[in-house]
Amino acid sequence: MAVPWKAVGAIALVLIGAGSAWQFQDWRYGKVLAQQAQQHAETLNQLTQAAATAQQAEQDKRLALEQRLAASEQTHFEKMTDAQKNQDHLRDRLATSDLRLSVLIDATDAAKGCGVPATAGAGGVDHAAVRARLDPPHAQRIIAITDTGDRGLIALQACQEYVRSVFRR
């Protein structure tokens, strides 16, 4: 049996050509896939950097808000402490009779038979207006009411500052 060398040679050339073409395609697609992987990695890196930048910006905003709120809380605490000191001082002066509360009375009421005498003091601002002095227990209750009102106003101002600072973001 004779071996047809031409057919074997042709088959060998076809196989070598196919193998070379396969190798060439492998190199070409490998290069394309490597480029795509690199572009994908660069895109992911850019997205990661953008997310990190956005996160840092949000953290900075939060830190600034926390600092403003801490300053607002400190101011609120100082106002409340000052108001408490003022109320305590006023309450002490009322208790020791160092200070007496009085109220202005309408001069037309005095003419209608109100028996409160008009006391004109040299240090007064009312220039001989008709005044009535309050008993110390009544004065204490009035001071307590004003103390509650002052605290409410200070708390309201603190709440308003908080809302302003939150919406200022």
N, C-alpha and C. Protein backbone atom coordinates (compact mmCIF):
# COMPACT_ATOMS: atom_id res chain seq x y z
N MET A 1 0.82 -1.15 0.00
CA MET A 1 0.00 0.00 0.00
C MET A 1 0.89 1.25 0.00
N ALA A 2 0.63 2.09 -0.90
CA ALA A 2 1.44 3.28 -1.08
C ALA A 2 0.78 4.46 -0.38
N VAL A 3 1.61 5.22 0.29
CA VAL A 3 1.10 6.38 1.05
C VAL A 3 1.09 7.58 0.10
N PRO A 4 -0.07 8.20 -0.02
CA PRO A 4 -0.12 9.38 -0.89
C PRO A 4 0.45 10.59 -0.13
N TRP A 5 1.68 10.88 -0.44
CA TRP A 5 2.38 11.94 0.29
C TRP A 5 1.81 13.31 -0.02
N LYS A 6 1.26 13.46 -1.14
CA LYS A 6 0.67 14.76 -1.48
C LYS A 6 -0.53 15.01 -0.57
N ALA A 7 -1.33 14.01 -0.36
CA ALA A 7 -2.51 14.17 0.50
C ALA A 7 -2.08 14.40 1.95
N VAL A 8 -1.05 13.69 2.38
CA VAL A 8 -0.55 13.87 3.76
C VAL A 8 0.03 15.26 3.89
N GLY A 9 0.75 15.71 2.90
CA GLY A 9 1.33 17.06 2.93
C GLY A 9 0.24 18.12 2.95
N ALA A 10 -0.81 17.91 2.15
CA ALA A 10 -1.90 18.89 2.11
C ALA A 10 -2.63 18.93 3.45
N ILE A 11 -2.83 17.75 4.05
CA ILE A 11 -3.50 17.70 5.35
C ILE A 11 -2.63 18.37 6.41
N ALA A 12 -1.32 18.12 6.31
CA ALA A 12 -0.39 18.73 7.27
C ALA A 12 -0.41 20.25 7.12
N LEU A 13 -0.45 20.74 5.89
CA LEU A 13 -0.51 22.20 5.68
C LEU A 13 -1.81 22.78 6.20
N VAL A 14 -2.90 22.05 5.99
CA VAL A 14 -4.18 22.53 6.48
C VAL A 14 -4.15 22.59 8.01
N LEU A 15 -3.62 21.54 8.63
CA LEU A 15 -3.56 21.52 10.10
C LEU A 15 -2.64 22.61 10.64
N ILE A 16 -1.53 22.84 10.02
CA ILE A 16 -0.60 23.90 10.44
C ILE A 16 -1.26 25.26 10.24
N GLY A 17 -1.94 25.45 9.16
CA GLY A 17 -2.64 26.72 8.90
C GLY A 17 -3.75 26.96 9.91
N ALA A 18 -4.49 25.88 10.20
CA ALA A 18 -5.58 26.02 11.17
C ALA A 18 -5.00 26.33 12.56
N GLY A 19 -3.91 25.64 12.90
CA GLY A 19 -3.28 25.89 14.21
C GLY A 19 -2.74 27.31 14.31
N SER A 20 -2.14 27.76 13.21
CA SER A 20 -1.62 29.13 13.20
C SER A 20 -2.75 30.14 13.29
N ALA A 21 -3.80 29.88 12.56
CA ALA A 21 -4.96 30.80 12.61
C ALA A 21 -5.56 30.81 14.02
N TRP A 22 -5.61 29.63 14.62
CA TRP A 22 -6.14 29.52 15.99
C TRP A 22 -5.25 30.31 16.95
N GLN A 23 -3.96 30.17 16.82
CA GLN A 23 -3.02 30.89 17.67
C GLN A 23 -3.14 32.40 17.45
N PHE A 24 -3.26 32.81 16.19
CA PHE A 24 -3.40 34.23 15.87
C PHE A 24 -4.68 34.80 16.48
N GLN A 25 -5.80 34.06 16.35
CA GLN A 25 -7.06 34.50 16.94
C GLN A 25 -6.94 34.58 18.46
N ASP A 26 -6.23 33.61 19.04
CA ASP A 26 -6.04 33.61 20.49
C ASP A 26 -5.29 34.86 20.93
N TRP A 27 -4.23 35.21 20.23
CA TRP A 27 -3.47 36.41 20.58
C TRP A 27 -4.32 37.67 20.43
N ARG A 28 -5.02 37.74 19.30
CA ARG A 28 -5.84 38.93 19.01
C ARG A 28 -6.95 39.09 20.04
N TYR A 29 -7.71 38.01 20.30
CA TYR A 29 -8.80 38.11 21.27
C TYR A 29 -8.26 38.29 22.70
N GLY A 30 -7.13 37.71 22.97
CA GLY A 30 -6.51 37.91 24.28
C GLY A 30 -6.16 39.37 24.51
N LYS A 31 -5.65 40.00 23.46
CA LYS A 31 -5.31 41.43 23.54
C LYS A 31 -6.57 42.27 23.73
N VAL A 32 -7.63 41.95 22.99
CA VAL A 32 -8.89 42.68 23.09
C VAL A 32 -9.48 42.50 24.50
N LEU A 33 -9.46 41.26 24.99
CA LEU A 33 -9.99 41.00 26.33
C LEU A 33 -9.17 41.71 27.40
N ALA A 34 -7.87 41.77 27.22
CA ALA A 34 -7.02 42.47 28.18
C ALA A 34 -7.34 43.96 28.19
N GLN A 35 -7.56 44.54 26.99
CA GLN A 35 -7.92 45.96 26.91
C GLN A 35 -9.28 46.21 27.57
N GLN A 36 -10.23 45.32 27.34
CA GLN A 36 -11.54 45.47 27.96
C GLN A 36 -11.43 45.36 29.48
N ALA A 37 -10.63 44.43 29.95
CA ALA A 37 -10.44 44.27 31.40
C ALA A 37 -9.80 45.51 32.00
N GLN A 38 -8.84 46.07 31.28
CA GLN A 38 -8.19 47.29 31.77
C GLN A 38 -9.18 48.46 31.79
N GLN A 39 -9.98 48.62 30.74
CA GLN A 39 -10.99 49.68 30.71
C GLN A 39 -12.01 49.48 31.83
N HIS A 40 -12.39 48.24 32.04
CA HIS A 40 -13.35 47.94 33.11
C HIS A 40 -12.75 48.30 34.48
N ALA A 41 -11.49 47.95 34.67
CA ALA A 41 -10.82 48.27 35.94
C ALA A 41 -10.71 49.78 36.13
N GLU A 42 -10.39 50.51 35.06
CA GLU A 42 -10.30 51.97 35.14
C GLU A 42 -11.67 52.58 35.47
N THR A 43 -12.71 52.07 34.83
CA THR A 43 -14.07 52.56 35.10
C THR A 43 -14.45 52.31 36.55
N LEU A 44 -14.17 51.11 37.03
CA LEU A 44 -14.46 50.79 38.44
C LEU A 44 -13.66 51.69 39.38
N ASN A 45 -12.42 51.96 39.03
CA ASN A 45 -11.59 52.83 39.85
C ASN A 45 -12.17 54.24 39.89
N GLN A 46 -12.61 54.75 38.75
CA GLN A 46 -13.21 56.08 38.70
C GLN A 46 -14.50 56.13 39.52
N LEU A 47 -15.32 55.09 39.41
CA LEU A 47 -16.56 55.04 40.20
C LEU A 47 -16.25 54.97 41.69
N THR A 48 -15.24 54.20 42.05
CA THR A 48 -14.85 54.10 43.46
C THR A 48 -14.36 55.45 43.98
N GLN A 49 -13.57 56.14 43.18
CA GLN A 49 -13.08 57.46 43.58
C GLN A 49 -14.23 58.45 43.70
N ALA A 50 -15.17 58.41 42.78
CA ALA A 50 -16.32 59.32 42.85
C ALA A 50 -17.15 59.03 44.09
N ALA A 51 -17.36 57.73 44.38
CA ALA A 51 -18.13 57.37 45.57
C ALA A 51 -17.39 57.80 46.84
N ALA A 52 -16.07 57.64 46.87
CA ALA A 52 -15.30 58.05 48.04
C ALA A 52 -15.35 59.57 48.22
N THR A 53 -15.30 60.29 47.11
CA THR A 53 -15.38 61.76 47.18
C THR A 53 -16.75 62.19 47.69
N ALA A 54 -17.80 61.55 47.18
CA ALA A 54 -19.15 61.89 47.63
C ALA A 54 -19.33 61.54 49.11
N GLN A 55 -18.79 60.41 49.52
CA GLN A 55 -18.89 60.01 50.92
C GLN A 55 -18.14 61.00 51.81
N GLN A 56 -16.97 61.42 51.38
CA GLN A 56 -16.20 62.40 52.17
C GLN A 56 -16.95 63.72 52.26
N ALA A 57 -17.58 64.13 51.17
CA ALA A 57 -18.36 65.38 51.18
C ALA A 57 -19.52 65.26 52.16
N GLU A 58 -20.21 64.12 52.17
CA GLU A 58 -21.31 63.92 53.11
C GLU A 58 -20.81 63.88 54.55
N GLN A 59 -19.67 63.27 54.77
CA GLN A 59 -19.10 63.26 56.12
C GLN A 59 -18.72 64.66 56.56
N ASP A 60 -18.18 65.45 55.65
CA ASP A 60 -17.84 66.84 55.97
C ASP A 60 -19.09 67.64 56.32
N LYS A 61 -20.16 67.43 55.54
CA LYS A 61 -21.42 68.12 55.83
C LYS A 61 -21.95 67.71 57.20
N ARG A 62 -21.89 66.42 57.48
CA ARG A 62 -22.38 65.93 58.77
C ARG A 62 -21.55 66.49 59.92
N LEU A 63 -20.23 66.53 59.75
CA LEU A 63 -19.37 67.08 60.79
C LEU A 63 -19.67 68.55 61.01
N ALA A 64 -19.86 69.30 59.92
CA ALA A 64 -20.19 70.72 60.05
C ALA A 64 -21.52 70.91 60.76
N LEU A 65 -22.51 70.08 60.42
CA LEU A 65 -23.81 70.16 61.07
C LEU A 65 -23.69 69.82 62.56
N GLU A 66 -22.92 68.79 62.87
CA GLU A 66 -22.72 68.42 64.28
C GLU A 66 -22.05 69.55 65.05
N GLN A 67 -21.09 70.21 64.43
CA GLN A 67 -20.41 71.33 65.09
C GLN A 67 -21.37 72.49 65.30
N ARG A 68 -22.19 72.78 64.29
CA ARG A 68 -23.17 73.86 64.45
C ARG A 68 -24.17 73.52 65.55
N LEU A 69 -24.61 72.26 65.58
CA LEU A 69 -25.57 71.84 66.60
C LEU A 69 -24.93 71.89 67.99
N ALA A 70 -23.67 71.51 68.09
CA ALA A 70 -22.98 71.58 69.39
C ALA A 70 -22.85 73.03 69.84
N ALA A 71 -22.53 73.93 68.92
CA ALA A 71 -22.45 75.35 69.27
C ALA A 71 -23.82 75.89 69.67
N SER A 72 -24.85 75.47 68.94
CA SER A 72 -26.21 75.89 69.28
C SER A 72 -26.61 75.36 70.65
N GLU A 73 -26.26 74.11 70.93
CA GLU A 73 -26.58 73.51 72.23
C GLU A 73 -25.84 74.25 73.35
N GLN A 74 -24.60 74.62 73.10
CA GLN A 74 -23.82 75.37 74.09
C GLN A 74 -24.47 76.74 74.34
N THR A 75 -24.87 77.40 73.28
CA THR A 75 -25.54 78.70 73.42
C THR A 75 -26.84 78.54 74.18
N HIS A 76 -27.60 77.51 73.85
CA HIS A 76 -28.87 77.25 74.55
C HIS A 76 -28.62 77.00 76.03
N PHE A 77 -27.60 76.20 76.33
CA PHE A 77 -27.28 75.90 77.73
C PHE A 77 -26.88 77.18 78.48
N GLU A 78 -26.09 78.01 77.84
CA GLU A 78 -25.67 79.27 78.48
C GLU A 78 -26.86 80.18 78.72
N LYS A 79 -27.75 80.28 77.75
CA LYS A 79 -28.93 81.13 77.94
C LYS A 79 -29.80 80.60 79.07
N MET A 80 -29.99 79.28 79.12
CA MET A 80 -30.80 78.70 80.19
C MET A 80 -30.13 78.93 81.55
N THR A 81 -28.83 78.78 81.62
CA THR A 81 -28.11 79.00 82.88
C THR A 81 -28.22 80.45 83.30
N ASP A 82 -28.04 81.37 82.36
CA ASP A 82 -28.15 82.80 82.68
C ASP A 82 -29.57 83.14 83.15
N ALA A 83 -30.55 82.60 82.47
CA ALA A 83 -31.94 82.87 82.87
C ALA A 83 -32.21 82.32 84.26
N GLN A 84 -31.68 81.13 84.55
CA GLN A 84 -31.86 80.54 85.87
C GLN A 84 -31.17 81.39 86.94
N LYS A 85 -29.97 81.85 86.66
CA LYS A 85 -29.26 82.71 87.63
C LYS A 85 -30.04 84.00 87.87
N ASN A 86 -30.53 84.60 86.79
CA ASN A 86 -31.30 85.84 86.94
C ASN A 86 -32.56 85.61 87.76
N GLN A 87 -33.25 84.51 87.48
CA GLN A 87 -34.47 84.21 88.23
C GLN A 87 -34.16 83.92 89.70
N ASP A 88 -33.09 83.18 89.95
CA ASP A 88 -32.70 82.90 91.34
C ASP A 88 -32.35 84.18 92.07
N HIS A 89 -31.60 85.05 91.42
CA HIS A 89 -31.22 86.33 92.04
C HIS A 89 -32.47 87.18 92.33
N LEU A 90 -33.37 87.24 91.38
CA LEU A 90 -34.60 88.01 91.57
C LEU A 90 -35.44 87.40 92.69
N ARG A 91 -35.53 86.08 92.71
CA ARG A 91 -36.29 85.40 93.76
C ARG A 91 -35.67 85.65 95.14
N ASP A 92 -34.34 85.64 95.21
CA ASP A 92 -33.66 85.92 96.48
C ASP A 92 -33.91 87.35 96.93
N ARG A 93 -33.85 88.28 96.02
CA ARG A 93 -34.10 89.69 96.38
C ARG A 93 -35.53 89.89 96.85
N LEU A 94 -36.48 89.17 96.23
CA LEU A 94 -37.87 89.27 96.67
C LEU A 94 -38.04 88.65 98.07
N ALA A 95 -37.35 87.54 98.31
CA ALA A 95 -37.49 86.86 99.59
C ALA A 95 -36.90 87.68 100.73
N THR A 96 -35.84 88.44 100.48
CA THR A 96 -35.22 89.23 101.53
C THR A 96 -35.81 90.63 101.62
N SER A 97 -36.84 90.88 100.89
CA SER A 97 -37.50 92.20 100.84
C SER A 97 -36.56 93.29 100.37
N ASP A 98 -35.50 92.90 99.69
CA ASP A 98 -34.60 93.86 99.08
C ASP A 98 -35.27 94.49 97.87
N LEU A 99 -36.19 93.76 97.30
CA LEU A 99 -36.92 94.22 96.13
C LEU A 99 -38.39 93.93 96.33
N ARG A 100 -39.21 94.87 95.96
CA ARG A 100 -40.67 94.67 96.04
C ARG A 100 -41.24 94.90 94.67
N LEU A 101 -42.11 94.02 94.26
CA LEU A 101 -42.78 94.20 92.97
C LEU A 101 -44.00 95.08 93.19
N SER A 102 -44.21 95.93 92.22
CA SER A 102 -45.41 96.77 92.26
C SER A 102 -45.98 96.84 90.86
N VAL A 103 -47.24 97.21 90.80
CA VAL A 103 -47.91 97.32 89.51
C VAL A 103 -48.48 98.71 89.36
N LEU A 104 -48.52 99.16 88.13
CA LEU A 104 -49.14 100.45 87.85
C LEU A 104 -50.65 100.28 87.88
N ILE A 105 -51.29 101.25 88.44
CA ILE A 105 -52.74 101.25 88.47
C ILE A 105 -53.21 102.41 87.62
N ASP A 106 -54.26 102.16 86.87
CA ASP A 106 -54.83 103.18 86.01
C ASP A 106 -55.28 104.35 86.88
N ALA A 107 -54.84 105.55 86.55
CA ALA A 107 -55.17 106.74 87.34
C ALA A 107 -56.67 106.98 87.37
N THR A 108 -57.39 106.58 86.35
CA THR A 108 -58.84 106.78 86.36
C THR A 108 -59.49 105.88 87.39
N ASP A 109 -58.87 104.67 87.67
CA ASP A 109 -59.40 103.80 88.72
C ASP A 109 -59.24 104.44 90.08
N ALA A 110 -58.16 105.17 90.32
CA ALA A 110 -57.95 105.82 91.61
C ALA A 110 -59.00 106.89 91.83
N ALA A 111 -59.39 107.53 90.75
CA ALA A 111 -60.43 108.55 90.87
C ALA A 111 -61.80 107.94 91.10
N LYS A 112 -61.98 106.67 90.76
CA LYS A 112 -63.27 106.02 90.92
C LYS A 112 -63.43 105.39 92.30
N GLY A 113 -62.55 105.66 93.19
CA GLY A 113 -62.74 105.15 94.53
C GLY A 113 -61.75 104.07 94.92
N CYS A 114 -60.75 103.80 94.13
CA CYS A 114 -59.74 102.83 94.52
C CYS A 114 -58.89 103.48 95.59
N GLY A 115 -58.74 102.86 96.69
CA GLY A 115 -58.08 103.49 97.82
C GLY A 115 -56.59 103.28 97.86
N VAL A 116 -55.92 103.12 96.72
CA VAL A 116 -54.47 102.94 96.71
C VAL A 116 -53.83 104.30 96.58
N PRO A 117 -52.96 104.64 97.52
CA PRO A 117 -52.32 105.96 97.45
C PRO A 117 -51.27 106.00 96.35
N ALA A 118 -51.12 107.19 95.78
CA ALA A 118 -50.08 107.39 94.77
C ALA A 118 -48.79 107.67 95.48
N THR A 119 -47.78 106.80 95.25
CA THR A 119 -46.48 107.01 95.89
C THR A 119 -45.49 107.41 94.82
N ALA A 120 -45.03 108.62 94.92
CA ALA A 120 -44.06 109.12 93.96
C ALA A 120 -42.68 108.98 94.57
N GLY A 121 -41.84 108.16 93.96
CA GLY A 121 -40.49 107.99 94.46
C GLY A 121 -39.52 108.78 93.61
N ALA A 122 -38.47 109.24 94.24
CA ALA A 122 -37.48 110.02 93.52
C ALA A 122 -36.75 109.17 92.49
N GLY A 123 -36.60 107.86 92.75
CA GLY A 123 -35.89 106.99 91.82
C GLY A 123 -36.80 106.34 90.81
N GLY A 124 -38.07 106.63 90.84
CA GLY A 124 -39.01 105.98 89.92
C GLY A 124 -38.96 106.57 88.54
N VAL A 125 -39.48 105.82 87.59
CA VAL A 125 -39.50 106.29 86.22
C VAL A 125 -40.89 106.79 85.85
N ASP A 126 -41.88 106.50 86.70
CA ASP A 126 -43.25 106.75 86.33
C ASP A 126 -43.73 108.15 86.68
N HIS A 127 -42.94 108.93 87.41
CA HIS A 127 -43.28 110.31 87.74
C HIS A 127 -44.67 110.42 88.38
N ALA A 128 -44.75 109.97 89.60
CA ALA A 128 -45.94 110.10 90.44
C ALA A 128 -47.11 109.30 89.92
N ALA A 129 -46.84 108.15 89.32
CA ALA A 129 -47.93 107.29 88.87
C ALA A 129 -48.46 106.51 90.07
N VAL A 130 -49.66 106.07 89.97
CA VAL A 130 -50.28 105.32 91.05
C VAL A 130 -49.79 103.88 90.94
N ARG A 131 -49.23 103.35 92.06
CA ARG A 131 -48.66 102.00 92.08
C ARG A 131 -49.19 101.24 93.28
N ALA A 132 -49.30 99.96 93.13
CA ALA A 132 -49.69 99.10 94.25
C ALA A 132 -48.61 98.04 94.41
N ARG A 133 -48.15 97.84 95.65
CA ARG A 133 -47.13 96.82 95.91
C ARG A 133 -47.79 95.46 96.06
N LEU A 134 -47.09 94.44 95.56
CA LEU A 134 -47.60 93.08 95.65
C LEU A 134 -47.03 92.40 96.88
N ASP A 135 -47.81 91.51 97.46
CA ASP A 135 -47.31 90.71 98.57
C ASP A 135 -46.19 89.80 98.05
N PRO A 136 -45.19 89.49 98.89
CA PRO A 136 -44.09 88.64 98.45
C PRO A 136 -44.53 87.28 97.90
N PRO A 137 -45.51 86.57 98.48
CA PRO A 137 -45.90 85.29 97.86
C PRO A 137 -46.47 85.45 96.45
N HIS A 138 -47.23 86.53 96.24
CA HIS A 138 -47.76 86.77 94.89
C HIS A 138 -46.62 87.13 93.94
N ALA A 139 -45.68 87.90 94.42
CA ALA A 139 -44.52 88.26 93.59
C ALA A 139 -43.72 87.01 93.23
N GLN A 140 -43.57 86.09 94.18
CA GLN A 140 -42.84 84.83 93.91
C GLN A 140 -43.56 84.02 92.82
N ARG A 141 -44.87 83.97 92.88
CA ARG A 141 -45.62 83.23 91.86
C ARG A 141 -45.47 83.89 90.49
N ILE A 142 -45.48 85.20 90.47
CA ILE A 142 -45.30 85.90 89.19
C ILE A 142 -43.90 85.63 88.63
N ILE A 143 -42.90 85.64 89.49
CA ILE A 143 -41.53 85.35 89.05
C ILE A 143 -41.45 83.91 88.53
N ALA A 144 -42.11 82.97 89.20
CA ALA A 144 -42.11 81.58 88.74
C ALA A 144 -42.77 81.46 87.37
N ILE A 145 -43.85 82.20 87.16
CA ILE A 145 -44.52 82.18 85.86
C ILE A 145 -43.61 82.76 84.78
N THR A 146 -42.96 83.87 85.07
CA THR A 146 -42.06 84.46 84.08
C THR A 146 -40.86 83.56 83.83
N ASP A 147 -40.41 82.86 84.87
CA ASP A 147 -39.30 81.92 84.70
C ASP A 147 -39.69 80.81 83.73
N THR A 148 -40.88 80.26 83.89
CA THR A 148 -41.37 79.22 82.98
C THR A 148 -41.49 79.77 81.56
N GLY A 149 -42.00 80.99 81.45
CA GLY A 149 -42.12 81.61 80.13
C GLY A 149 -40.77 81.85 79.49
N ASP A 150 -39.80 82.32 80.29
CA ASP A 150 -38.45 82.55 79.75
C ASP A 150 -37.83 81.24 79.26
N ARG A 151 -37.99 80.19 80.04
CA ARG A 151 -37.44 78.89 79.64
C ARG A 151 -38.11 78.39 78.36
N GLY A 152 -39.40 78.60 78.25
CA GLY A 152 -40.12 78.19 77.05
C GLY A 152 -39.63 78.95 75.82
N LEU A 153 -39.42 80.26 75.98
CA LEU A 153 -38.92 81.06 74.86
C LEU A 153 -37.52 80.64 74.45
N ILE A 154 -36.67 80.36 75.44
CA ILE A 154 -35.31 79.93 75.13
C ILE A 154 -35.34 78.58 74.42
N ALA A 155 -36.19 77.66 74.88
CA ALA A 155 -36.31 76.36 74.23
C ALA A 155 -36.85 76.51 72.80
N LEU A 156 -37.81 77.41 72.62
CA LEU A 156 -38.35 77.66 71.28
C LEU A 156 -37.27 78.20 70.36
N GLN A 157 -36.46 79.13 70.84
CA GLN A 157 -35.38 79.67 70.02
C GLN A 157 -34.38 78.57 69.66
N ALA A 158 -34.09 77.68 70.61
CA ALA A 158 -33.16 76.58 70.32
C ALA A 158 -33.74 75.66 69.25
N CYS A 159 -35.03 75.38 69.34
CA CYS A 159 -35.68 74.52 68.33
C CYS A 159 -35.66 75.19 66.95
N GLN A 160 -35.92 76.49 66.92
CA GLN A 160 -35.90 77.21 65.65
C GLN A 160 -34.49 77.21 65.05
N GLU A 161 -33.47 77.39 65.88
CA GLU A 161 -32.10 77.36 65.38
C GLU A 161 -31.76 75.97 64.84
N TYR A 162 -32.25 74.93 65.52
CA TYR A 162 -32.00 73.57 65.05
C TYR A 162 -32.62 73.36 63.67
N VAL A 163 -33.86 73.79 63.51
CA VAL A 163 -34.54 73.62 62.22
C VAL A 163 -33.83 74.41 61.14
N ARG A 164 -33.41 75.64 61.47
CA ARG A 164 -32.68 76.44 60.48
C ARG A 164 -31.38 75.76 60.08
N SER A 165 -30.66 75.21 61.07
CA SER A 165 -29.38 74.59 60.75
C SER A 165 -29.57 73.33 59.92
N VAL A 166 -30.63 72.59 60.16
CA VAL A 166 -30.87 71.37 59.38
C VAL A 166 -31.22 71.72 57.94
N PHE A 167 -32.05 72.74 57.75
CA PHE A 167 -32.46 73.10 56.39
C PHE A 167 -31.41 73.94 55.68
N ARG A 168 -30.40 74.43 56.41
CA ARG A 168 -29.33 75.21 55.81
C ARG A 168 -28.35 74.30 55.09
N ARG A 169 -28.39 73.01 55.36
CA ARG A 169 -27.45 72.07 54.75
C ARG A 169 -27.46 72.23 53.29
